[in-house]
C-alpha cells in the first residue's frame, strides 16, 4: 500500500513575511528566506546542518549540496571545484566527450592498471 505524503501549505501570499520554516516529522527542516538580493531555500538535517541550498538570483538558480548520495544533471556547464576531487566506482567508470577532452596536470600524472593500457587514436605524440 503506497504511503500518502502530507501536504504542507506555506502562507506564500503575505508580502511582509521574509522567512518561513517547516519542520518535517523526521526532524528535517525546510527554511525559505527572501531578501532584496536573492531568495533562498535551505534544507537542514535534524542536527541543524545545511545539506542543500537553492538560491534564486537574477543570474539564475545556484544549488549547493552535501550528503551521502548526490545525483547531478545539467543541460549546460557542470563545474566541480575543490582542493581534492576523488571519483571512485565499484564496477566501471567512463569519461565521454562529444567534443575535445583535455587532461592537464601541473605535476606528475600516473596511470595504473591491472591489465594492459591501450591508447587508441589516429596520431599520438609523446614528448
C-alpha atoms as a PDB file:
ATOM      1  CA  UNK A   1       0.000   0.000   0.000  1.00  0.00           C
ATOM      2  CA  UNK A   2       1.581   3.326  -1.061  1.00  0.00           C
ATOM      3  CA  UNK A   3       2.302   5.893   1.634  1.00  0.00           C
ATOM      4  CA  UNK A   4       0.479   9.172   1.107  1.00  0.00           C
ATOM      5  CA  UNK A   5       2.602  12.277   1.693  1.00  0.00           C
ATOM      6  CA  UNK A   6       1.376  15.009   4.000  1.00  0.00           C
ATOM      7  CA  UNK A   7       0.805  18.302   2.235  1.00  0.00           C
ATOM      8  CA  UNK A   8       2.228  21.360   3.987  1.00  0.00           C
ATOM      9  CA  UNK A   9       0.883  24.737   2.907  1.00  0.00           C
ATOM     10  CA  UNK A  10       3.114  27.754   3.444  1.00  0.00           C
ATOM     11  CA  UNK A  11       1.498  31.165   3.587  1.00  0.00           C
ATOM     12  CA  UNK A  12       3.217  32.493   0.462  1.00  0.00           C
ATOM     13  CA  UNK A  13       0.860  35.436  -0.105  1.00  0.00           C
ATOM     14  CA  UNK A  14       1.943  37.525   2.881  1.00  0.00           C
ATOM     15  CA  UNK A  15       4.131  40.333   1.429  1.00  0.00           C
ATOM     16  CA  UNK A  16       5.846  41.267   4.725  1.00  0.00           C
ATOM     17  CA  UNK A  17       6.872  37.696   5.525  1.00  0.00           C
ATOM     18  CA  UNK A  18      10.640  37.301   4.887  1.00  0.00           C
ATOM     19  CA  UNK A  19      11.213  33.824   6.364  1.00  0.00           C
ATOM     20  CA  UNK A  20       9.224  30.593   6.654  1.00  0.00           C
ATOM     21  CA  UNK A  21      10.325  27.369   8.302  1.00  0.00           C
ATOM     22  CA  UNK A  22       8.711  23.959   8.065  1.00  0.00           C
ATOM     23  CA  UNK A  23       9.829  21.200  10.432  1.00  0.00           C
ATOM     24  CA  UNK A  24       9.174  17.755   8.983  1.00  0.00           C
ATOM     25  CA  UNK A  25       8.187  14.752  11.093  1.00  0.00           C
ATOM     26  CA  UNK A  26      11.659  13.237  10.544  1.00  0.00           C
ATOM     27  CA  UNK A  27      13.317  16.297  12.116  1.00  0.00           C
ATOM     28  CA  UNK A  28      14.488  17.799   8.820  1.00  0.00           C
ATOM     29  CA  UNK A  29      13.669  21.459   8.226  1.00  0.00           C
ATOM     30  CA  UNK A  30      12.943  23.487   5.112  1.00  0.00           C
ATOM     31  CA  UNK A  31      13.820  27.160   5.566  1.00  0.00           C
ATOM     32  CA  UNK A  32      12.705  29.718   2.974  1.00  0.00           C
ATOM     33  CA  UNK A  33      14.254  33.179   3.137  1.00  0.00           C
ATOM     34  CA  UNK A  34      13.615  36.164   0.881  1.00  0.00           C
ATOM     35  CA  UNK A  35      15.500  39.458   0.682  1.00  0.00           C
ATOM     36  CA  UNK A  36      16.438  42.119  -1.877  1.00  0.00           C
ATOM     37  CA  UNK A  37      19.494  40.203  -3.200  1.00  0.00           C
ATOM     38  CA  UNK A  38      18.042  36.717  -3.604  1.00  0.00           C
ATOM     39  CA  UNK A  39      15.531  34.170  -2.452  1.00  0.00           C
ATOM     40  CA  UNK A  40      16.883  31.105  -0.703  1.00  0.00           C
ATOM     41  CA  UNK A  41      15.656  27.638   0.220  1.00  0.00           C
ATOM     42  CA  UNK A  42      17.733  25.695   2.758  1.00  0.00           C
ATOM     43  CA  UNK A  43      17.208  22.077   3.714  1.00  0.00           C
ATOM     44  CA  UNK A  44      18.623  21.359   7.150  1.00  0.00           C
ATOM     45  CA  UNK A  45      19.312  17.954   8.707  1.00  0.00           C
ATOM     46  CA  UNK A  46      17.766  17.216  12.076  1.00  0.00           C
ATOM     47  CA  UNK A  47      21.033  18.349  13.748  1.00  0.00           C
ATOM     48  CA  UNK A  48      20.780  21.746  12.037  1.00  0.00           C
ATOM     49  CA  UNK A  49      23.438  21.224   9.346  1.00  0.00           C
ATOM     50  CA  UNK A  50      22.527  22.678   5.944  1.00  0.00           C
ATOM     51  CA  UNK A  51      22.560  19.837   3.388  1.00  0.00           C
ATOM     52  CA  UNK A  52      21.122  21.686   0.401  1.00  0.00           C
ATOM     53  CA  UNK A  53      20.705  25.332  -0.556  1.00  0.00           C
ATOM     54  CA  UNK A  54      18.907  26.728  -3.568  1.00  0.00           C
ATOM     55  CA  UNK A  55      19.480  30.451  -4.144  1.00  0.00           C
ATOM     56  CA  UNK A  56      17.248  32.109  -6.707  1.00  0.00           C
ATOM     57  CA  UNK A  57      19.249  35.050  -8.064  1.00  0.00           C
ATOM     58  CA  UNK A  58      18.928  37.442 -11.012  1.00  0.00           C
ATOM     59  CA  UNK A  59      21.575  35.323 -12.787  1.00  0.00           C
ATOM     60  CA  UNK A  60      19.560  32.135 -12.200  1.00  0.00           C
ATOM     61  CA  UNK A  61      19.431  29.400  -9.568  1.00  0.00           C
ATOM     62  CA  UNK A  62      22.539  28.411  -7.610  1.00  0.00           C
ATOM     63  CA  UNK A  63      22.391  24.976  -5.974  1.00  0.00           C
ATOM     64  CA  UNK A  64      24.769  23.804  -3.228  1.00  0.00           C
ATOM     65  CA  UNK A  65      24.553  20.277  -1.805  1.00  0.00           C
ATOM     66  CA  UNK A  66      26.337  17.946   0.547  1.00  0.00           C
ATOM     67  CA  UNK A  67      25.276  14.496   1.620  1.00  0.00           C
ATOM     68  CA  UNK A  68      25.806  10.780   1.440  1.00  0.00           C
ATOM     69  CA  UNK A  69      24.379  10.383  -2.075  1.00  0.00           C
ATOM     70  CA  UNK A  70      24.122  13.040  -4.789  1.00  0.00           C
ATOM     71  CA  UNK A  71      22.737  12.926  -8.315  1.00  0.00           C
ATOM     72  CA  UNK A  72      23.510  15.825 -10.653  1.00  0.00           C
ATOM     73  CA  UNK A  73      22.330  16.549 -14.197  1.00  0.00           C
ATOM     74  CA  UNK A  74      22.869  19.758 -16.127  1.00  0.00           C
ATOM     75  CA  UNK A  75      21.926  20.850 -19.645  1.00  0.00           C
ATOM     76  CA  UNK A  76      24.793  23.367 -19.617  1.00  0.00           C
ATOM     77  CA  UNK A  77      28.027  23.553 -17.579  1.00  0.00           C
ATOM     78  CA  UNK A  78      28.727  21.410 -14.521  1.00  0.00           C
ATOM     79  CA  UNK A  79      31.720  22.665 -12.525  1.00  0.00           C
ATOM     80  CA  UNK A  80      33.368  20.795  -9.672  1.00  0.00           C
ATOM     81  CA  UNK A  81      35.836  22.880  -7.679  1.00  0.00           C
ATOM     82  CA  UNK A  82      37.607  21.500  -4.636  1.00  0.00           C
ATOM     83  CA  UNK A  83      41.059  21.110  -3.103  1.00  0.00           C
ATOM     84  CA  UNK A  84      40.873  17.387  -3.948  1.00  0.00           C
ATOM     85  CA  UNK A  85      38.418  15.520  -6.137  1.00  0.00           C
ATOM     86  CA  UNK A  86      38.186  11.728  -5.985  1.00  0.00           C
ATOM     87  CA  UNK A  87      35.986   9.695  -8.264  1.00  0.00           C
ATOM     88  CA  UNK A  88      35.562   6.020  -7.372  1.00  0.00           C
ATOM     89  CA  UNK A  89      33.451   3.338  -8.985  1.00  0.00           C
ATOM     90  CA  UNK A  90      32.994  -0.231  -7.768  1.00  0.00           C
ATOM     91  CA  UNK A  91      32.256  -1.646 -11.216  1.00  0.00           C
ATOM     92  CA  UNK A  92      33.094   0.740 -14.019  1.00  0.00           C
ATOM     93  CA  UNK A  93      33.869   4.387 -14.755  1.00  0.00           C
ATOM     94  CA  UNK A  94      33.963   6.279 -18.029  1.00  0.00           C
ATOM     95  CA  UNK A  95      34.508   9.790 -19.313  1.00  0.00           C
ATOM     96  CA  UNK A  96      32.962  10.619 -22.657  1.00  0.00           C
ATOM     97  CA  UNK A  97      33.095  13.810 -24.657  1.00  0.00           C
ATOM     98  CA  UNK A  98      31.375  14.514 -27.978  1.00  0.00           C
ATOM     99  CA  UNK A  99      33.987  17.257 -28.451  1.00  0.00           C
ATOM    100  CA  UNK A 100      37.560  17.627 -27.247  1.00  0.00           C
ATOM    101  CA  UNK A 101      38.806  16.225 -23.959  1.00  0.00           C
ATOM    102  CA  UNK A 102      41.726  17.942 -22.230  1.00  0.00           C
ATOM    103  CA  UNK A 103      43.592  16.460 -19.285  1.00  0.00           C
ATOM    104  CA  UNK A 104      46.119  18.819 -17.704  1.00  0.00           C
ATOM    105  CA  UNK A 105      48.286  18.098 -14.662  1.00  0.00           C
ATOM    106  CA  UNK A 106      50.745  20.597 -13.190  1.00  0.00           C
ATOM    107  CA  UNK A 107      52.707  17.732 -11.596  1.00  0.00           C
ATOM    108  CA  UNK A 108      53.329  14.097 -12.384  1.00  0.00           C
ATOM    109  CA  UNK A 109      50.499  12.091 -13.970  1.00  0.00           C
ATOM    110  CA  UNK A 110      50.261   8.408 -13.126  1.00  0.00           C
ATOM    111  CA  UNK A 111      48.126   5.751 -14.815  1.00  0.00           C
ATOM    112  CA  UNK A 112      47.817   2.343 -13.128  1.00  0.00           C
ATOM    113  CA  UNK A 113      46.069  -0.731 -14.457  1.00  0.00           C
ATOM    114  CA  UNK A 114      45.968  -4.405 -13.550  1.00  0.00           C
ATOM    115  CA  UNK A 115      45.697  -5.085 -17.305  1.00  0.00           C
ATOM    116  CA  UNK A 116      47.149  -3.571 -20.477  1.00  0.00           C
ATOM    117  CA  UNK A 117      46.831   0.162 -21.086  1.00  0.00           C
ATOM    118  CA  UNK A 118      45.693   0.934 -24.626  1.00  0.00           C
ATOM    119  CA  UNK A 119      45.716   4.298 -26.338  1.00  0.00           C
ATOM    120  CA  UNK A 120      43.587   4.420 -29.481  1.00  0.00           C
ATOM    121  CA  UNK A 121      43.701   7.217 -31.982  1.00  0.00           C
ATOM    122  CA  UNK A 122      44.961   8.356 -35.329  1.00  0.00           C
ATOM    123  CA  UNK A 123      48.007  10.228 -34.079  1.00  0.00           C
ATOM    124  CA  UNK A 124      49.907  10.003 -30.803  1.00  0.00           C
ATOM    125  CA  UNK A 125      52.657  12.459 -29.872  1.00  0.00           C
ATOM    126  CA  UNK A 126      54.859  11.596 -26.903  1.00  0.00           C
ATOM    127  CA  UNK A 127      57.383  14.119 -25.619  1.00  0.00           C
END
